[in-house]
Protein backbone atom coordinates (compact mmCIF):
# COMPACT_ATOMS: atom_id res chain seq x y z
CA MET A 1 -63.78 -0.99 3.93
CA GLY A 2 -61.36 -0.79 1.45
CA LEU A 3 -59.29 2.11 1.91
CA GLU A 4 -59.25 1.86 5.80
CA TYR A 5 -56.45 -2.01 5.57
CA PHE A 6 -54.60 0.88 2.54
CA LEU A 7 -54.25 4.18 4.58
CA ILE A 8 -53.83 1.35 8.08
CA ALA A 9 -50.55 -0.19 4.97
CA THR A 10 -49.42 2.16 3.66
CA ILE A 11 -48.74 3.73 7.54
CA VAL A 12 -47.24 0.49 8.53
CA MET A 13 -44.70 0.50 5.61
CA GLY A 14 -43.88 3.55 5.76
CA GLY A 15 -42.74 2.83 9.48
CA CYS A 16 -40.86 -0.20 8.45
CA ALA A 17 -39.26 1.36 5.41
CA TYR A 18 -38.54 4.33 8.39
CA THR A 19 -36.89 2.13 11.28
CA SER A 20 -35.22 -0.01 8.09
CA TYR A 21 -33.76 3.28 6.50
CA ARG A 22 -32.80 5.41 10.57
CA ILE A 23 -30.60 1.61 10.95
CA GLY A 24 -29.28 1.25 8.25
CA PHE A 25 -28.16 5.04 8.87
CA ARG A 26 -27.01 4.34 12.03
CA GLU A 27 -24.52 1.46 10.97
CA GLY A 28 -23.56 2.39 8.28
CA SER A 29 -22.57 5.89 9.80
CA GLY A 30 -21.10 3.83 12.50
CA SER A 31 -18.54 1.44 10.71
CA MET A 32 -17.41 4.27 8.26
CA ILE A 33 -16.25 6.47 11.77
CA ASP A 34 -14.11 3.34 12.55
CA PHE A 35 -12.76 2.34 9.45
CA VAL A 36 -11.69 6.31 9.56
CA ARG A 37 -10.57 6.49 13.38
CA SER A 38 -8.57 3.09 11.68
CA LYS A 39 -6.48 5.60 10.04
CA ARG A 40 -5.05 7.83 12.66
CA ASN A 41 -1.26 8.38 12.04
CA ARG A 42 0.94 8.63 15.31
CA ALA A 43 -0.02 11.90 16.86
CA GLY A 44 -4.46 10.57 16.57
CA TYR A 45 -5.04 12.53 13.97
CA THR A 46 -6.84 11.91 11.02
CA THR A 47 -6.02 13.67 6.94
CA MET A 48 -8.00 13.12 4.17
CA HIS A 49 -6.77 14.24 0.42
CA PHE A 50 -8.88 14.56 -2.37
CA PHE A 51 -8.56 14.12 -5.76
CA GLY A 52 -11.20 14.73 -8.09
CA ASP A 53 -13.64 10.89 -7.39
CA GLN A 54 -10.28 9.72 -5.08
CA ILE A 55 -9.75 9.73 -2.16
CA GLU A 56 -6.47 9.00 0.45
CA PHE A 57 -6.13 8.75 4.06
CA VAL A 58 -2.48 10.39 4.03
CA ASP A 59 -0.80 10.16 7.95
CA HIS A 60 0.53 13.87 8.30
CA LEU A 61 4.27 13.48 9.84
CA ASP A 62 4.99 11.92 6.94
CA GLN A 63 3.35 14.50 4.10
CA MET A 64 5.43 17.34 6.02
CA ASP A 65 8.36 15.13 6.14
CA LYS A 66 7.99 15.07 1.77
CA VAL A 67 7.26 18.65 1.88
CA LEU A 68 10.00 20.21 4.23
CA GLY A 69 12.09 17.88 1.98
CA LYS A 70 11.00 19.19 -0.64
CA ILE A 71 11.53 22.90 0.33
CA VAL A 72 15.36 21.85 1.23
CA GLU A 73 16.15 20.30 -1.79
CA GLN A 74 14.71 23.38 -3.89
CA MET A 75 17.12 25.48 -1.41
CA GLU A 76 20.13 23.25 -2.47
CA ASP A 77 18.76 23.58 -5.88
CA HIS A 78 19.02 27.76 -5.21
CA ASP A 79 22.35 28.65 -3.93
CA SER A 80 24.27 25.75 -5.72
CA THR A 81 23.17 27.61 -9.17
CA ARG A 82 23.43 30.78 -7.32
CA ARG A 83 27.23 30.02 -6.40
CA GLY A 84 27.80 28.84 -10.11
CA LEU A 85 26.14 32.16 -11.55
CA ASP A 86 28.75 34.00 -7.89
CA GLU A 87 31.48 31.77 -9.89
CA LEU A 88 31.63 33.21 -13.28
CA ASP A 89 30.53 37.06 -12.11
CA LYS A 90 35.09 36.12 -10.64
């Protein structure tokens, strides 16, 4: 008689634990999705960069603007040093 009660209690507790887990997982996932959607940029995209343990949300358009700006700076520096070398050759 005691074994039947133990088995029934185990099944009921297992069902309650699983139900609680699923509710928590669903609510937690929904909150995370809402949070990520709130980080969208002007184009409607979310860009995430993972740096070890840190996760950063980056506006892709701003990031591309920075990258292209650095490329232009490097090209201008290269052109100015190239002009300096050309003047030395004269």
